[in-house]
Amino acid sequence: MALHDVAELADPDWTDSGDELRRVPGAVAENLNVAARDRVRHPAGSEIRFVPASDAATVRVTLSAATESLVRPFWGTFQGEEPLELGPDPATFELSVPDPIADLDRDVAANAADAFDPRVCRLRFEPWAPVALHDAAGECRPPTDDETPDRRYLAYGTSITEGAAASATHLNYVSRVARDLDLDPVNLGMSGAAYCEPAVADYIADRDDWAVATLALSVNMANRGFTVDQFRERAAYLVETVAGANPDRPVVCATLFPYHADLRESGDRERARAYREALESVVEDCESGNVSVVDGRDLSPADGLTTDLLHPGDAGMESIADALAAAVGESLNG
């Protein structure tokens, strides 16, 4: 099997066995804020992938989660009919190629395989709770390079990037952009904890497995008391470090999406404006020619938000993805 968007395995703290899937190595996480250390344990965007040895083969996977959660089987880009329920007690699930997929028309299968081959089983986890893999059995193999997208899209940001209010992980804007552009998504969203820390900047820059990145910066800092100057300093290091690591990899920055500071009578519109202008100036001053910026207000209408006037719902995620995919696609084709 292959583990996607999993940087490290660790001992889970809710069960005596298994390997917890973590999106960021412990050596990086220990240099992040406490909330971020917790969020990188949550498997937003993480997947277990395999290809059964034959259409008749059954693969058994044993999983648990710290609290109740879901994992959604996909076959390539085809969504499974029912999610699988996870909890603290390890549960074993049997998976085999669905009969309709096994009988898929060759032309349809070939078109679908432009991104993921339909016989690649993708167990896609919700970000609700840490997850552990306990066991796997049955005849299968990891996907080959030509059965998955040949380019990866890495996204860093807040709970909006992590997909907090999307109905399912495949409906957040990161998953949608990746699907629209035949990219493989890597989600480094950190709910309530995207503070543009140097450890994150260095980690993303050191990775050699992504072709394009988006940096959505950062309503967490605006809401948690960071001054505009503090934000500008941290954002500058993040943008310059990530963009400067490889001039052939485009980096698209997004300023604050519309949120309560813009929309409520009591909102601090001046602070929101200053944050957006700070990121725009960071990008303008960046010497790397591979970085660009989009105004988050242009990516999603206010009525796409949930009632907290912060997190985009499914409609907002779709709007962000449509507009951001255009910017990402342009940067890749630039």
Foldseek 3Di string as FASTA:
>chain_A
DDKPLFDDWDQDPLDDFFTWGFNDDPVLLVQFDPLQVQQRLFQQQIKDKWFAPDQPKKKKWKKAWDAWWWWWKAQQPRTDPDIDIHHSDIDIDIDGQDPCLVVDDPVVQVVSQQAARRRMIITGTQRPTIMGTGDMDIGIGGDDCSRHAVAAEEEEAEVLQSPVAEPGSCLFLQNLLCVVVSHRYNGRYRHLGRQLDLSVLQVLLPDPRHQEYEYEDYVSCLVPDNALVSSLVSLLSSVLSNCVSDLRRAYEYEQAAFFDLNPPPPHVVVSSVSNRVSNQVSQVPRPRPRYYYDYNPQQFPQVQCDPNRHHGYSRRRVSNNVVVSVVRVVSNVD
